[in-house]
Amino acid sequence: MAAPKDVIWERDPHTAAKHALLRRYLQAWAPIMLSRDEVVTYAEGFAGPGVYRGGEPGSPLVAHQVFSGALRRSPRMVKMVLVEENARRKTELEHRIAATSGSSGARNDRLDVHIAQGQCHPDLLQQLARVGSLDHPMFVLLDGFGGPEVPFPLLQRIATQRRSEVMVTFQPSFLVRFAGKDERHRAAGDAFFGGNDWHGVFQEPSSSKAAYLRDRYRESLGRAGFQHTLVFEMIDEAGHLLYLIFGTRHERGVEKMKEAMWVVDTTSGVRYRDPKDPNQQALDLELEPDTGPLRRILLDHLRSAPAARSVDHLKRYALLETIYRPTQVIPLLKRMRDDGDVNVSPGRITGTSTIAALRQGALF
């Protein structure tokens, strides 16, 4: 998405889906962190005006609403650090936050909001340092306009606080289209990835370029210090692809983010796709989800393994390497056993049971 020129613009389907996911995750994150820490911080490097043309709240207002509610049940403190480059959008954001803070029941002196004009880097880090947030857990949303806008050193600094988490927006089409022809864009890519390993994309076939960049960026987050990453491939009705990449050092963060994703929502016009599914099937998140992609992913994993895998291993693999939840693994393994796809030893499926793929033919 190109950067809009207006102060306020239309909300696209990707953004609606991102904000629904953000709200659900923060609703889980806030009470957990506030039960452990005296101060937590929510930060954005591309805060925007706080509202869209149709009146929908922007991510800062979504976060403000969640934390206002959480602080009614907690004596702790939340800091919000919001950086926006455009002066007119910053002013609009200040008005929106003030209106939200002053609304009935929403004001809370322990929700401390700092809004600054500046660039995501280096101004966000400077603001976080100024308000004393770098020594406390943070959730940092870096939702720019899809290009390589987030320098690697920023991620490294955020990751030094071991309980901090980050979510980055990445639209691979920019680097695929322009970086091979323009030295400035390649330099921006190097700053984004923290090196030039991603240059291999220029030798990849067109059909593989986006996935190649996605995988290199997951590796970059790992090098920055985020032990676990979760990639959401989001496809809108026009087929536009956006990666939303979550980084954390804790498996529980992955679990809670995944639970947020799997809450039923069919209103945004955006569907998810699992990066590891060889068929790249877009998913409708329903009460009875289609686990066909997970079946393919687990069979691929089992067939590439040197030995049978335990059920506990497959549950953890689903948690950390797919968009599926561990609770979806055992019911699927039972169906795979009944269909003759896998062998289970012993026959009853428990956490310590071992699973081996049986046949090499078509998956369906």
Protein backbone atom coordinates (compact mmCIF):
# COMPACT_ATOMS: atom_id res chain seq x y z
CA MET A 1 0.00 0.00 0.00
CA ALA A 2 1.37 3.41 -0.96
CA ALA A 3 1.48 5.99 1.81
CA PRO A 4 -1.75 8.05 1.69
CA LYS A 5 -1.50 11.78 1.11
CA ASP A 6 -4.62 12.72 3.05
CA VAL A 7 -4.78 13.08 6.82
CA ILE A 8 -7.51 10.44 7.01
CA TRP A 9 -8.14 7.69 4.48
CA GLU A 10 -10.35 4.68 3.84
CA ARG A 11 -9.68 1.56 5.87
CA ASP A 12 -8.77 -1.37 3.62
CA PRO A 13 -9.66 -5.02 4.36
CA HIS A 14 -6.13 -5.90 5.47
CA THR A 15 -6.25 -3.15 8.07
CA ALA A 16 -9.65 -4.26 9.36
CA ALA A 17 -8.30 -7.79 9.85
CA LYS A 18 -5.10 -6.54 11.50
CA HIS A 19 -7.02 -4.43 13.98
CA ALA A 20 -9.39 -7.25 14.86
CA LEU A 21 -6.38 -9.46 15.55
CA LEU A 22 -4.64 -6.72 17.54
CA ARG A 23 -7.68 -6.12 19.74
CA ARG A 24 -8.07 -9.80 20.55
CA TYR A 25 -4.40 -10.28 21.32
CA LEU A 26 -4.14 -7.22 23.55
CA GLN A 27 -7.23 -8.37 25.42
CA ALA A 28 -5.26 -11.50 26.32
CA TRP A 29 -1.84 -9.80 26.71
CA ALA A 30 -2.87 -6.92 28.98
CA PRO A 31 -4.22 -8.87 31.99
CA ILE A 32 -1.32 -11.36 31.87
CA MET A 33 1.34 -8.66 31.84
CA LEU A 34 -0.45 -6.44 34.35
CA SER A 35 -0.60 -9.35 36.77
CA ARG A 36 3.22 -9.56 36.73
CA ASP A 37 4.62 -6.09 36.06
CA GLU A 38 4.08 -2.69 37.63
CA VAL A 39 4.47 -0.99 34.24
CA VAL A 40 3.95 -2.22 30.68
CA THR A 41 4.17 -0.28 27.42
CA TYR A 42 2.31 -0.34 24.16
CA ALA A 43 4.16 1.45 21.35
CA GLU A 44 3.67 2.27 17.67
CA GLY A 45 6.15 3.63 15.16
CA PHE A 46 3.56 4.52 12.48
CA ALA A 47 0.66 5.65 14.64
CA GLY A 48 -1.44 7.49 12.02
CA PRO A 49 -4.37 9.81 12.78
CA GLY A 50 -6.26 7.37 15.01
CA VAL A 51 -9.34 7.15 12.81
CA TYR A 52 -10.42 6.18 9.28
CA ARG A 53 -12.75 7.92 6.90
CA GLY A 54 -15.67 5.73 7.87
CA GLY A 55 -15.18 6.55 11.56
CA GLU A 56 -13.46 3.25 12.39
CA PRO A 57 -10.86 3.53 15.18
CA GLY A 58 -7.18 3.27 14.28
CA SER A 59 -4.83 0.95 16.14
CA PRO A 60 -3.90 3.53 18.84
CA LEU A 61 -7.57 3.91 19.78
CA VAL A 62 -8.09 0.14 19.66
CA ALA A 63 -5.22 -0.26 22.11
CA HIS A 64 -6.43 2.63 24.27
CA GLN A 65 -9.87 1.04 24.59
CA VAL A 66 -8.39 -2.33 25.57
CA PHE A 67 -6.03 -0.89 28.19
CA SER A 68 -8.71 1.39 29.64
CA GLY A 69 -10.80 -1.68 30.30
CA ALA A 70 -7.90 -3.73 31.66
CA LEU A 71 -6.86 -1.01 34.12
CA ARG A 72 -10.30 -1.00 35.70
CA ARG A 73 -9.36 -4.42 37.09
CA SER A 74 -5.69 -3.72 37.83
CA PRO A 75 -3.79 -1.21 40.00
CA ARG A 76 -0.79 -1.21 37.61
CA MET A 77 0.24 1.30 34.92
CA VAL A 78 0.28 1.27 31.11
CA LYS A 79 2.32 3.67 29.01
CA MET A 80 1.45 4.27 25.38
CA VAL A 81 4.19 5.68 23.15
CA LEU A 82 2.89 6.74 19.73
CA VAL A 83 5.11 8.20 17.01
CA GLU A 84 3.70 9.70 13.82
CA GLU A 85 5.76 11.46 11.14
CA ASN A 86 3.03 13.67 9.66
CA ALA A 87 2.26 16.77 11.79
CA ARG A 88 -1.41 16.99 10.76
CA ARG A 89 -1.98 13.31 11.52
CA LYS A 90 -0.27 13.71 14.89
CA THR A 91 -2.64 16.58 15.73
CA GLU A 92 -5.63 14.51 14.69
CA LEU A 93 -4.40 11.61 16.80
CA GLU A 94 -4.02 13.90 19.83
CA HIS A 95 -7.63 15.06 19.40
CA ARG A 96 -8.90 11.48 19.09
CA ILE A 97 -6.98 10.23 22.13
CA ALA A 98 -8.15 13.23 24.19
CA ALA A 99 -11.76 12.59 23.20
CA THR A 100 -11.46 8.91 24.09
CA SER A 101 -9.71 9.67 27.39
CA GLY A 102 -12.35 12.22 28.34
CA SER A 103 -15.34 10.03 27.52
CA SER A 104 -17.46 8.70 30.36
CA GLY A 105 -15.71 5.92 32.27
CA ALA A 106 -12.64 5.88 30.04
CA ARG A 107 -10.33 8.29 31.88
CA ASN A 108 -7.60 6.62 33.88
CA ASP A 109 -4.54 8.40 35.24
CA ARG A 110 -2.60 5.14 35.08
CA LEU A 111 -2.93 5.07 31.30
CA ASP A 112 -0.12 7.45 30.36
CA VAL A 113 -0.14 8.41 26.66
CA HIS A 114 2.85 10.04 24.93
CA ILE A 115 2.41 11.22 21.33
CA ALA A 116 5.41 12.52 19.37
CA GLN A 117 6.07 13.66 15.83
CA GLY A 118 8.95 11.83 14.20
CA GLN A 119 10.07 8.82 12.22
CA CYS A 120 9.76 5.28 13.41
CA HIS A 121 13.54 5.11 13.65
CA PRO A 122 15.27 6.63 15.56
CA ASP A 123 12.47 8.62 17.19
CA LEU A 124 10.51 5.68 18.59
CA LEU A 125 13.50 4.40 20.56
CA GLN A 126 14.26 7.91 21.78
CA GLN A 127 10.70 8.33 23.04
CA LEU A 128 10.70 4.91 24.70
CA ALA A 129 13.93 5.82 26.48
CA ARG A 130 12.59 9.24 27.49
CA VAL A 131 9.56 7.78 29.28
CA GLY A 132 11.54 4.91 30.83
CA SER A 133 9.89 2.09 28.89
CA LEU A 134 12.96 0.24 27.61
CA ASP A 135 13.40 -1.58 30.93
CA HIS A 136 9.79 -2.81 31.04
CA PRO A 137 7.82 -5.27 28.87
CA MET A 138 6.58 -3.76 25.64
CA PHE A 139 4.26 -4.69 22.82
CA VAL A 140 5.47 -2.77 19.78
CA LEU A 141 3.38 -2.48 16.63
CA LEU A 142 5.39 -1.49 13.54
CA ASP A 143 2.58 -1.25 11.00
CA GLY A 144 3.87 0.92 8.19
CA PHE A 145 2.74 0.88 4.60
CA GLY A 146 4.29 -2.45 3.72
CA GLY A 147 7.74 -1.47 2.52
CA PRO A 148 11.09 -2.18 4.23
CA GLU A 149 10.54 0.61 6.78
CA VAL A 150 11.72 -0.97 10.05
CA PRO A 151 15.52 -1.00 10.54
CA PHE A 152 16.98 -4.14 12.09
CA PRO A 153 18.69 -2.30 15.02
CA LEU A 154 15.27 -1.18 16.25
CA LEU A 155 14.16 -4.81 16.52
CA GLN A 156 17.39 -5.74 18.30
CA ARG A 157 16.88 -3.05 20.91
CA ILE A 158 13.27 -4.02 21.55
CA ALA A 159 14.28 -7.67 21.95
CA THR A 160 16.78 -6.88 24.72
CA GLN A 161 13.83 -6.66 27.10
CA ARG A 162 13.12 -10.39 27.30
CA ARG A 163 9.35 -10.10 27.73
CA SER A 164 8.80 -7.63 24.91
CA GLU A 165 7.04 -8.56 21.70
CA VAL A 166 6.81 -7.03 18.25
CA MET A 167 4.47 -7.18 15.28
CA VAL A 168 5.72 -6.03 11.88
CA THR A 169 3.82 -5.44 8.64
CA PHE A 170 5.64 -6.52 5.50
CA GLN A 171 4.38 -6.41 1.92
CA PRO A 172 6.93 -8.30 -0.22
CA SER A 173 5.84 -6.80 -3.53
CA PHE A 174 7.91 -3.63 -3.02
CA LEU A 175 11.26 -5.42 -2.79
CA VAL A 176 10.28 -7.93 -5.47
CA ARG A 177 9.41 -5.14 -7.92
CA PHE A 178 11.98 -2.43 -7.20
CA ALA A 179 15.02 -3.59 -5.22
CA GLY A 180 16.61 -5.46 -8.10
CA LYS A 181 16.79 -2.26 -10.13
CA ASP A 182 17.51 0.45 -7.57
CA GLU A 183 20.50 0.60 -5.25
CA ARG A 184 18.63 2.77 -2.71
CA HIS A 185 15.87 0.21 -2.38
CA ARG A 186 18.44 -2.57 -1.95
CA ALA A 187 20.07 -0.53 0.84
CA ALA A 188 16.68 -0.11 2.50
CA GLY A 189 16.21 -3.87 2.25
CA ASP A 190 19.62 -4.47 3.83
CA ALA A 191 18.68 -2.22 6.76
CA PHE A 192 15.34 -4.02 7.11
CA PHE A 193 16.80 -7.55 7.07
CA GLY A 194 19.98 -6.69 8.95
CA GLY A 195 22.21 -7.91 6.11
CA ASN A 196 22.13 -8.94 2.46
CA ASP A 197 21.14 -12.61 2.77
CA TRP A 198 17.80 -11.68 1.25
CA HIS A 199 19.50 -10.83 -2.08
CA GLY A 200 18.98 -14.44 -3.09
CA VAL A 201 15.43 -13.41 -3.98
CA PHE A 202 16.73 -12.07 -7.30
CA GLN A 203 17.60 -15.62 -8.38
CA GLU A 204 14.27 -17.10 -7.25
CA PRO A 205 11.46 -17.78 -9.73
CA SER A 206 8.62 -15.28 -9.56
CA SER A 207 6.31 -17.75 -7.84
CA SER A 208 8.76 -18.19 -4.94
CA LYS A 209 9.99 -14.65 -4.35
CA ALA A 210 7.45 -13.61 -1.71
CA ALA A 211 7.90 -16.81 0.29
CA TYR A 212 11.68 -16.45 0.09
CA LEU A 213 11.53 -12.94 1.56
CA ARG A 214 9.09 -14.09 4.24
CA ASP A 215 11.43 -16.85 5.38
CA ARG A 216 14.47 -14.56 5.40
CA TYR A 217 12.59 -12.06 7.53
CA ARG A 218 11.62 -14.70 10.06
CA GLU A 219 15.32 -15.51 10.29
CA SER A 220 16.06 -11.81 10.80
CA LEU A 221 13.65 -11.63 13.73
CA GLY A 222 15.37 -14.67 15.21
CA ARG A 223 18.77 -13.00 14.89
CA ALA A 224 17.36 -9.88 16.49
CA GLY A 225 16.50 -11.92 19.57
CA PHE A 226 12.90 -13.07 19.09
CA GLN A 227 13.12 -16.80 19.60
CA HIS A 228 9.67 -17.55 18.23
CA THR A 229 7.97 -16.03 15.20
CA LEU A 230 4.52 -16.44 13.76
CA VAL A 231 3.68 -15.42 10.20
CA PHE A 232 0.18 -14.50 9.13
CA GLU A 233 -0.28 -14.53 5.37
CA MET A 234 -3.30 -12.32 4.79
CA ILE A 235 -4.97 -12.28 1.38
CA ASP A 236 -7.75 -9.83 0.57
CA GLU A 237 -10.54 -10.36 -1.94
CA ALA A 238 -8.42 -8.86 -4.72
CA GLY A 239 -5.60 -11.32 -4.02
CA HIS A 240 -3.20 -8.78 -2.47
CA LEU A 241 -0.74 -10.42 -0.06
CA LEU A 242 0.38 -8.95 3.24
CA TYR A 243 2.59 -10.56 5.87
CA LEU A 244 1.97 -9.81 9.51
CA ILE A 245 4.94 -11.19 11.45
CA PHE A 246 4.85 -11.58 15.22
CA GLY A 247 8.01 -11.99 17.29
CA THR A 248 8.25 -13.14 20.91
CA ARG A 249 10.64 -15.03 23.19
CA HIS A 250 7.88 -17.07 24.81
CA GLU A 251 5.76 -19.93 23.52
CA ARG A 252 2.80 -18.66 25.50
CA GLY A 253 2.85 -15.49 23.41
CA VAL A 254 2.59 -17.61 20.26
CA GLU A 255 -0.27 -19.57 21.79
CA LYS A 256 -2.23 -16.44 22.78
CA MET A 257 -1.68 -14.80 19.39
CA LYS A 258 -2.94 -17.92 17.67
CA GLU A 259 -6.01 -18.06 19.89
CA ALA A 260 -6.73 -14.46 18.91
CA MET A 261 -6.46 -15.35 15.24
CA TRP A 262 -8.85 -18.28 15.47
CA VAL A 263 -11.73 -16.29 16.95
CA VAL A 264 -14.43 -16.43 14.29
CA ASP A 265 -14.56 -13.30 12.12
CA THR A 266 -15.85 -13.42 8.56
CA THR A 267 -16.54 -9.70 8.14
CA SER A 268 -13.18 -8.27 7.07
CA GLY A 269 -12.94 -9.72 3.56
CA VAL A 270 -9.48 -11.13 4.36
CA ARG A 271 -8.48 -14.77 4.70
CA TYR A 272 -5.39 -16.39 6.17
CA ARG A 273 -3.06 -18.87 4.53
CA ASP A 274 -0.54 -21.15 6.21
CA PRO A 275 2.97 -20.53 4.85
CA LYS A 276 3.87 -24.22 5.13
CA ASP A 277 0.86 -25.56 3.23
CA PRO A 278 2.19 -26.92 -0.10
CA ASN A 279 -1.19 -26.24 -1.73
CA GLN A 280 -1.32 -22.64 -0.38
CA GLN A 281 -5.01 -22.93 0.39
CA ALA A 282 -6.71 -19.80 1.75
CA LEU A 283 -8.62 -20.51 4.94
CA ASP A 284 -12.01 -19.44 6.20
CA LEU A 285 -11.77 -19.35 9.99
CA GLU A 286 -14.88 -21.16 11.11
CA LEU A 287 -16.13 -22.99 14.19
CA GLU A 288 -15.28 -26.24 12.36
CA PRO A 289 -12.09 -25.21 10.54
CA ASP A 290 -10.73 -26.89 7.46
CA THR A 291 -7.68 -28.81 8.67
CA GLY A 292 -6.76 -30.08 5.20
CA PRO A 293 -3.71 -27.77 5.08
CA LEU A 294 -2.59 -29.00 8.51
CA ARG A 295 -2.90 -32.60 7.32
CA ARG A 296 -0.62 -31.82 4.37
CA ILE A 297 1.85 -29.96 6.59
CA LEU A 298 2.07 -32.78 9.15
CA LEU A 299 2.48 -35.43 6.47
CA ASP A 300 5.28 -33.42 4.85
CA HIS A 301 6.94 -33.06 8.23
CA LEU A 302 6.60 -36.74 9.10
CA ARG A 303 7.90 -37.88 5.72
CA SER A 304 10.97 -35.68 6.03
CA ALA A 305 11.74 -36.88 9.55
CA PRO A 306 14.36 -39.61 10.11
CA ALA A 307 12.10 -41.35 12.64
CA ALA A 308 8.56 -41.36 13.96
CA ARG A 309 7.51 -38.29 15.92
CA SER A 310 5.65 -38.11 19.21
CA VAL A 311 2.23 -36.49 19.43
CA ASP A 312 3.66 -33.90 21.82
CA HIS A 313 6.30 -33.05 19.20
CA LEU A 314 3.61 -32.61 16.52
CA LYS A 315 1.52 -30.39 18.80
CA ARG A 316 4.51 -28.15 19.48
CA TYR A 317 5.38 -28.14 15.76
CA ALA A 318 1.83 -27.01 14.96
CA LEU A 319 2.08 -24.27 17.58
CA LEU A 320 5.43 -22.84 16.48
CA GLU A 321 5.51 -23.56 12.75
CA THR A 322 1.92 -23.32 11.49
CA ILE A 323 -1.10 -21.09 12.00
CA TYR A 324 -2.99 -23.98 13.61
CA ARG A 325 -3.44 -24.60 17.33
CA PRO A 326 -2.10 -27.62 19.25
CA THR A 327 -5.67 -28.54 20.25
CA GLN A 328 -6.44 -29.20 16.57
CA VAL A 329 -3.72 -31.85 16.21
CA ILE A 330 -5.06 -34.87 18.09
CA PRO A 331 -8.54 -34.89 16.45
CA LEU A 332 -6.81 -34.61 13.06
CA LEU A 333 -4.35 -37.42 13.86
CA LYS A 334 -7.27 -39.69 14.74
CA ARG A 335 -8.79 -39.06 11.32
CA MET A 336 -5.42 -39.55 9.64
CA ARG A 337 -5.01 -42.88 11.45
CA ASP A 338 -8.50 -43.99 10.42
CA ASP A 339 -7.82 -42.95 6.81
CA GLY A 340 -4.59 -44.94 6.71
CA ASP A 341 -2.29 -41.92 6.38
CA VAL A 342 -0.31 -42.58 9.57
CA ASN A 343 0.61 -45.36 11.92
CA VAL A 344 0.15 -44.78 15.66
CA SER A 345 2.13 -46.67 18.27
CA PRO A 346 0.52 -47.67 20.53
CA GLY A 347 -2.91 -47.51 18.92
CA ARG A 348 -4.40 -45.07 21.42
CA ILE A 349 -3.30 -41.49 20.75
CA THR A 350 -1.68 -39.80 23.74
CA GLY A 351 1.08 -37.21 24.07
CA THR A 352 3.79 -39.86 24.09
CA SER A 353 2.38 -41.93 21.22
CA THR A 354 4.60 -42.01 18.13
CA ILE A 355 3.31 -41.17 14.66
CA ALA A 356 4.79 -42.26 11.33
CA ALA A 357 3.54 -41.54 7.80
CA LEU A 358 2.40 -44.66 5.96
CA ARG A 359 2.00 -43.88 2.31
CA GLN A 360 3.68 -41.66 -0.24
CA GLY A 361 0.80 -41.22 -2.67
CA ALA A 362 -1.65 -38.37 -3.13
CA LEU A 363 -2.75 -36.67 0.03
CA PHE A 364 -6.43 -36.84 -0.91
